[in-house]
Amino acid sequence: MIEISENAAQQIQKMLAKNGLEGGGLRVGVKAGGCSGFSYVFAWEPEPRPDDEVFSGHGARVFVDARSLRVLTGTVLDYDTSLISRGFIFNNPNAKSTCGCGVSFSV
């Protein structure tokens, strides 16, 4: 399960509209790499792939492949609206450590 905060949902809907993908969703995944072992990846997509898990919240959808879901289960996807560090934030309970950039982590 991945939870989508209200701030994240608003940003997802805004970006989907900007990209002409109303009704689509944000693909969230992980890949090997980054300074801590794994890094988060994003893509705007019109629809989920056949094997995706789809999570909804506050009118937004997030698509996650099965491999990534293993390390993302329990994550809360948020969006920071501060002037200093605007962007998506993963509150991932599976991350043992993160790097300073906030997009790389170890499990």
Protein backbone atom coordinates (compact mmCIF):
# COMPACT_ATOMS: atom_id res chain seq x y z
CA MET A 1 0.00 0.00 0.00
CA ILE A 2 1.18 3.49 -0.87
CA GLU A 3 -0.56 6.50 0.61
CA ILE A 4 -0.85 9.74 -1.38
CA SER A 5 -0.98 12.95 0.63
CA GLU A 6 -3.31 15.76 -0.38
CA ASN A 7 -0.33 17.96 -1.40
CA ALA A 8 1.08 15.16 -3.58
CA ALA A 9 -2.32 14.51 -5.16
CA GLN A 10 -2.73 18.17 -6.06
CA GLN A 11 0.70 18.25 -7.70
CA ILE A 12 0.08 14.98 -9.57
CA GLN A 13 -3.20 16.31 -10.97
CA LYS A 14 -1.57 19.63 -11.91
CA MET A 15 1.32 17.94 -13.75
CA LEU A 16 -0.94 15.45 -15.52
CA ALA A 17 -3.06 18.33 -16.82
CA LYS A 18 0.07 20.23 -17.89
CA ASN A 19 1.26 17.16 -19.83
CA GLY A 20 -2.16 16.48 -21.39
CA LEU A 21 -2.59 13.24 -19.44
CA GLU A 22 -5.79 13.88 -17.48
CA GLY A 23 -6.99 10.56 -16.12
CA GLY A 24 -3.45 9.17 -16.10
CA GLY A 25 -1.12 8.78 -13.17
CA LEU A 26 2.35 9.07 -11.77
CA ARG A 27 4.54 5.98 -12.16
CA VAL A 28 6.72 5.55 -9.09
CA GLY A 29 9.46 2.97 -8.87
CA VAL A 30 12.94 2.20 -7.65
CA LYS A 31 16.10 1.30 -9.50
CA ALA A 32 19.51 0.16 -8.36
CA GLY A 33 21.90 3.06 -8.14
CA GLY A 34 22.32 6.35 -6.41
CA CYS A 35 24.71 7.03 -3.59
CA SER A 36 22.83 4.81 -1.10
CA GLY A 37 21.96 1.76 -3.24
CA PHE A 38 18.50 2.54 -4.65
CA SER A 39 16.95 5.63 -6.16
CA TYR A 40 13.38 6.63 -6.83
CA VAL A 41 12.16 7.04 -10.41
CA PHE A 42 9.12 8.89 -11.75
CA ALA A 43 7.24 8.99 -15.05
CA TRP A 44 3.93 10.49 -16.15
CA GLU A 45 1.80 7.84 -17.86
CA PRO A 46 -1.67 7.77 -19.42
CA GLU A 47 -2.62 4.43 -17.86
CA PRO A 48 -1.17 1.62 -15.72
CA ARG A 49 0.64 -1.35 -17.21
CA PRO A 50 -1.06 -4.77 -16.90
CA ASP A 51 1.01 -5.91 -13.90
CA ASP A 52 0.96 -2.60 -11.99
CA GLU A 53 -0.59 -2.00 -8.61
CA VAL A 54 -2.66 1.19 -8.69
CA PHE A 55 -3.01 3.36 -5.60
CA SER A 56 -5.49 6.23 -5.40
CA GLY A 57 -5.90 9.11 -3.03
CA HIS A 58 -7.45 12.57 -3.13
CA GLY A 59 -8.31 12.13 -6.81
CA ALA A 60 -4.80 11.12 -7.96
CA ARG A 61 -3.40 7.75 -9.05
CA VAL A 62 0.06 6.24 -8.59
CA PHE A 63 1.24 3.22 -10.62
CA VAL A 64 3.84 0.86 -9.11
CA ASP A 65 5.41 -2.27 -10.60
CA ALA A 66 5.57 -5.41 -8.42
CA ARG A 67 9.37 -5.33 -8.02
CA SER A 68 9.36 -1.74 -6.77
CA LEU A 69 6.39 -2.35 -4.50
CA ARG A 70 8.49 -4.69 -2.36
CA VAL A 71 10.55 -1.76 -1.10
CA LEU A 72 7.82 0.90 -1.34
CA THR A 73 5.06 -0.82 0.70
CA GLY A 74 3.96 1.48 3.50
CA THR A 75 5.37 4.60 1.85
CA VAL A 76 3.59 7.93 2.11
CA LEU A 77 4.11 10.03 -1.02
CA ASP A 78 4.06 13.72 -0.13
CA TYR A 79 4.92 16.95 -1.90
CA ASP A 80 7.01 19.67 -0.25
CA THR A 81 5.74 23.12 -1.14
CA SER A 82 8.46 25.12 0.63
CA LEU A 83 10.48 27.61 -1.38
CA ILE A 84 13.74 25.87 -0.53
CA SER A 85 13.10 22.26 -1.50
CA ARG A 86 10.01 21.96 -3.69
CA GLY A 87 9.37 18.37 -4.82
CA PHE A 88 8.02 14.91 -4.06
CA ILE A 89 9.04 13.34 -0.76
CA PHE A 90 8.99 9.63 0.07
CA ASN A 91 8.32 8.77 3.70
CA ASN A 92 9.43 5.18 3.24
CA PRO A 93 9.46 2.99 6.37
CA ASN A 94 11.64 0.42 4.55
CA ALA A 95 14.51 2.87 4.00
CA LYS A 96 17.28 2.18 6.51
CA SER A 97 19.21 5.27 5.46
CA THR A 98 18.93 8.04 2.90
CA CYS A 99 21.44 10.35 1.30
CA GLY A 100 21.38 14.13 1.44
CA CYS A 101 19.59 14.46 -1.90
CA GLY A 102 16.54 12.59 -0.58
CA VAL A 103 16.08 10.42 -3.68
CA SER A 104 18.60 7.70 -2.83
CA PHE A 105 18.18 5.17 -0.04
CA SER A 106 19.22 1.76 1.28
CA VAL A 107 17.04 -1.07 2.59
